[in-house]
Amino acid sequence: MIKSINVLSDFDKDTRIYVIGMGYIWDGTDDYRKYLDPLKLSRLLMFWHKYFEASSAIVGEIGAPSMLGSIK
């Protein structure tokens, strides 16, 4: 699907991607304790993993919402 609509990026093959905070939902209030439900979050994670891999990037870690490892 992503390839068919030509929206891929062209990362260098050594590019590492780190995402912090995926899964948080901000609704315009000061309540930052809202999260995506697990099914939506797993689909979102799968999409971004496939997107970055198809764009020649290495997924270092996607924090959902926090990263467990360190940025290298």
N, C-alpha and C. Protein backbone atom coordinates (compact mmCIF):
# COMPACT_ATOMS: atom_id res chain seq x y z
N MET A 1 0.82 -1.20 0.00
CA MET A 1 0.00 0.00 0.00
C MET A 1 0.86 1.25 0.00
N ILE A 2 1.83 1.34 0.89
CA ILE A 2 2.67 2.54 0.99
C ILE A 2 3.44 2.73 -0.32
N LYS A 3 4.02 1.66 -0.83
CA LYS A 3 4.78 1.76 -2.08
C LYS A 3 3.88 2.15 -3.24
N SER A 4 2.65 1.66 -3.26
CA SER A 4 1.77 1.92 -4.38
C SER A 4 1.34 3.38 -4.48
N ILE A 5 1.34 4.11 -3.37
CA ILE A 5 0.95 5.52 -3.43
C ILE A 5 2.17 6.45 -3.37
N ASN A 6 3.37 5.86 -3.42
CA ASN A 6 4.62 6.60 -3.56
C ASN A 6 4.83 7.66 -2.47
N VAL A 7 4.77 7.25 -1.22
CA VAL A 7 4.99 8.18 -0.11
C VAL A 7 6.20 7.78 0.74
N LEU A 8 7.04 6.90 0.22
CA LEU A 8 8.22 6.47 0.97
C LEU A 8 9.28 7.56 1.01
N SER A 9 10.06 7.55 2.06
CA SER A 9 11.23 8.41 2.15
C SER A 9 12.42 7.61 1.64
N ASP A 10 13.52 8.29 1.41
CA ASP A 10 14.73 7.61 0.95
C ASP A 10 15.84 7.88 1.97
N PHE A 11 15.82 7.11 3.06
CA PHE A 11 16.83 7.26 4.10
C PHE A 11 18.12 6.57 3.68
N ASP A 12 19.20 7.05 4.21
CA ASP A 12 20.48 6.36 4.06
C ASP A 12 20.37 5.02 4.77
N LYS A 13 21.01 3.99 4.26
CA LYS A 13 20.86 2.65 4.85
C LYS A 13 21.37 2.56 6.29
N ASP A 14 22.14 3.55 6.74
CA ASP A 14 22.63 3.55 8.12
C ASP A 14 21.81 4.44 9.04
N THR A 15 20.71 4.99 8.55
CA THR A 15 19.86 5.86 9.35
C THR A 15 19.09 5.03 10.38
N ARG A 16 19.20 5.42 11.64
CA ARG A 16 18.45 4.77 12.71
C ARG A 16 17.33 5.70 13.15
N ILE A 17 16.15 5.13 13.33
CA ILE A 17 14.97 5.90 13.72
C ILE A 17 14.61 5.54 15.16
N TYR A 18 14.40 6.58 15.97
CA TYR A 18 13.94 6.42 17.35
C TYR A 18 12.70 7.29 17.53
N VAL A 19 11.67 6.73 18.09
CA VAL A 19 10.43 7.46 18.32
C VAL A 19 10.11 7.38 19.81
N ILE A 20 9.79 8.51 20.39
CA ILE A 20 9.42 8.57 21.80
C ILE A 20 7.96 9.04 21.90
N GLY A 21 7.19 8.35 22.70
CA GLY A 21 5.84 8.81 23.01
C GLY A 21 4.74 8.33 22.09
N MET A 22 5.00 7.34 21.24
CA MET A 22 3.92 6.84 20.39
C MET A 22 2.88 6.16 21.27
N GLY A 23 1.66 6.46 21.04
CA GLY A 23 0.60 5.87 21.83
C GLY A 23 -0.07 6.85 22.77
N TYR A 24 0.59 7.99 23.02
CA TYR A 24 -0.07 9.03 23.81
C TYR A 24 -1.14 9.70 22.96
N ILE A 25 -2.21 10.10 23.58
CA ILE A 25 -3.26 10.85 22.90
C ILE A 25 -3.37 12.19 23.60
N TRP A 26 -3.26 13.25 22.84
CA TRP A 26 -3.45 14.58 23.42
C TRP A 26 -4.76 15.13 22.89
N ASP A 27 -5.65 15.48 23.78
CA ASP A 27 -6.97 15.96 23.38
C ASP A 27 -7.16 17.45 23.65
N GLY A 28 -6.06 18.16 23.86
CA GLY A 28 -6.15 19.60 24.10
C GLY A 28 -6.26 19.97 25.56
N THR A 29 -6.29 18.97 26.44
CA THR A 29 -6.36 19.25 27.87
C THR A 29 -4.98 19.00 28.49
N ASP A 30 -4.89 19.20 29.77
CA ASP A 30 -3.62 18.95 30.47
C ASP A 30 -3.51 17.52 30.98
N ASP A 31 -4.44 16.66 30.62
CA ASP A 31 -4.41 15.26 31.06
C ASP A 31 -3.59 14.45 30.06
N TYR A 32 -2.34 14.15 30.43
CA TYR A 32 -1.43 13.43 29.54
C TYR A 32 -1.42 11.94 29.80
N ARG A 33 -2.41 11.42 30.47
CA ARG A 33 -2.44 10.00 30.82
C ARG A 33 -3.37 9.21 29.90
N LYS A 34 -3.63 9.70 28.73
CA LYS A 34 -4.50 9.01 27.80
C LYS A 34 -3.66 8.30 26.76
N TYR A 35 -4.01 7.06 26.48
CA TYR A 35 -3.23 6.24 25.56
C TYR A 35 -4.16 5.61 24.52
N LEU A 36 -3.58 5.26 23.38
CA LEU A 36 -4.33 4.48 22.39
C LEU A 36 -4.65 3.11 22.96
N ASP A 37 -5.75 2.54 22.50
CA ASP A 37 -6.03 1.17 22.95
C ASP A 37 -5.00 0.23 22.31
N PRO A 38 -4.72 -0.91 22.92
CA PRO A 38 -3.66 -1.81 22.47
C PRO A 38 -3.77 -2.25 21.02
N LEU A 39 -4.96 -2.49 20.52
CA LEU A 39 -5.12 -2.93 19.13
C LEU A 39 -4.71 -1.82 18.16
N LYS A 40 -5.16 -0.61 18.40
CA LYS A 40 -4.78 0.51 17.54
C LYS A 40 -3.28 0.78 17.61
N LEU A 41 -2.73 0.68 18.80
CA LEU A 41 -1.31 0.92 18.97
C LEU A 41 -0.49 -0.13 18.23
N SER A 42 -0.88 -1.40 18.30
CA SER A 42 -0.12 -2.44 17.60
C SER A 42 -0.18 -2.24 16.09
N ARG A 43 -1.32 -1.79 15.57
CA ARG A 43 -1.44 -1.50 14.13
C ARG A 43 -0.58 -0.31 13.74
N LEU A 44 -0.55 0.70 14.58
CA LEU A 44 0.27 1.88 14.33
C LEU A 44 1.76 1.52 14.33
N LEU A 45 2.17 0.73 15.31
CA LEU A 45 3.56 0.29 15.38
C LEU A 45 3.94 -0.53 14.14
N MET A 46 3.06 -1.43 13.72
CA MET A 46 3.32 -2.25 12.55
C MET A 46 3.47 -1.37 11.30
N PHE A 47 2.58 -0.39 11.16
CA PHE A 47 2.68 0.53 10.02
C PHE A 47 4.03 1.23 9.97
N TRP A 48 4.45 1.82 11.10
CA TRP A 48 5.69 2.59 11.09
C TRP A 48 6.92 1.70 10.92
N HIS A 49 6.90 0.51 11.50
CA HIS A 49 8.01 -0.42 11.26
C HIS A 49 8.13 -0.72 9.76
N LYS A 50 7.03 -1.04 9.12
CA LYS A 50 7.04 -1.35 7.69
C LYS A 50 7.45 -0.13 6.87
N TYR A 51 6.96 1.04 7.24
CA TYR A 51 7.29 2.26 6.52
C TYR A 51 8.79 2.54 6.56
N PHE A 52 9.37 2.53 7.76
CA PHE A 52 10.79 2.83 7.88
C PHE A 52 11.65 1.77 7.22
N GLU A 53 11.30 0.51 7.34
CA GLU A 53 12.06 -0.55 6.70
C GLU A 53 11.97 -0.42 5.18
N ALA A 54 10.80 -0.11 4.64
CA ALA A 54 10.65 0.07 3.20
C ALA A 54 11.38 1.33 2.71
N SER A 55 11.67 2.25 3.62
CA SER A 55 12.38 3.49 3.29
C SER A 55 13.88 3.36 3.55
N SER A 56 14.35 2.15 3.77
CA SER A 56 15.78 1.83 3.97
C SER A 56 16.34 2.34 5.29
N ALA A 57 15.51 2.57 6.28
CA ALA A 57 15.99 3.00 7.59
C ALA A 57 15.99 1.80 8.54
N ILE A 58 16.74 1.93 9.61
CA ILE A 58 16.78 0.92 10.67
C ILE A 58 15.96 1.45 11.83
N VAL A 59 14.99 0.68 12.29
CA VAL A 59 14.20 1.09 13.44
C VAL A 59 14.99 0.76 14.70
N GLY A 60 15.51 1.81 15.35
CA GLY A 60 16.26 1.61 16.58
C GLY A 60 15.33 1.19 17.70
N GLU A 61 14.31 2.00 17.93
CA GLU A 61 13.29 1.67 18.92
C GLU A 61 12.12 2.64 18.77
N ILE A 62 10.94 2.12 18.99
CA ILE A 62 9.75 2.96 19.02
C ILE A 62 9.16 2.83 20.42
N GLY A 63 9.21 3.92 21.15
CA GLY A 63 8.68 3.93 22.51
C GLY A 63 7.18 4.10 22.50
N ALA A 64 6.51 3.18 23.12
CA ALA A 64 5.05 3.20 23.11
C ALA A 64 4.49 3.04 24.52
N PRO A 65 4.52 4.04 25.33
CA PRO A 65 4.95 5.39 25.04
C PRO A 65 6.42 5.66 25.37
N SER A 66 7.04 4.86 26.24
CA SER A 66 8.42 5.12 26.63
C SER A 66 9.37 4.14 25.95
N MET A 67 10.59 4.60 25.71
CA MET A 67 11.60 3.71 25.17
C MET A 67 12.22 2.94 26.33
N LEU A 68 12.51 1.69 26.09
CA LEU A 68 13.12 0.86 27.13
C LEU A 68 14.64 0.82 26.99
N GLY A 69 15.14 1.06 25.81
CA GLY A 69 16.58 1.02 25.57
C GLY A 69 17.15 2.42 25.50
N SER A 70 18.38 2.51 25.04
CA SER A 70 19.02 3.82 24.90
C SER A 70 19.22 4.12 23.43
N ILE A 71 19.34 5.40 23.11
CA ILE A 71 19.59 5.82 21.73
C ILE A 71 21.07 5.62 21.45
N LYS A 72 21.35 4.95 20.34
CA LYS A 72 22.76 4.66 19.99
C LYS A 72 23.20 5.52 18.84
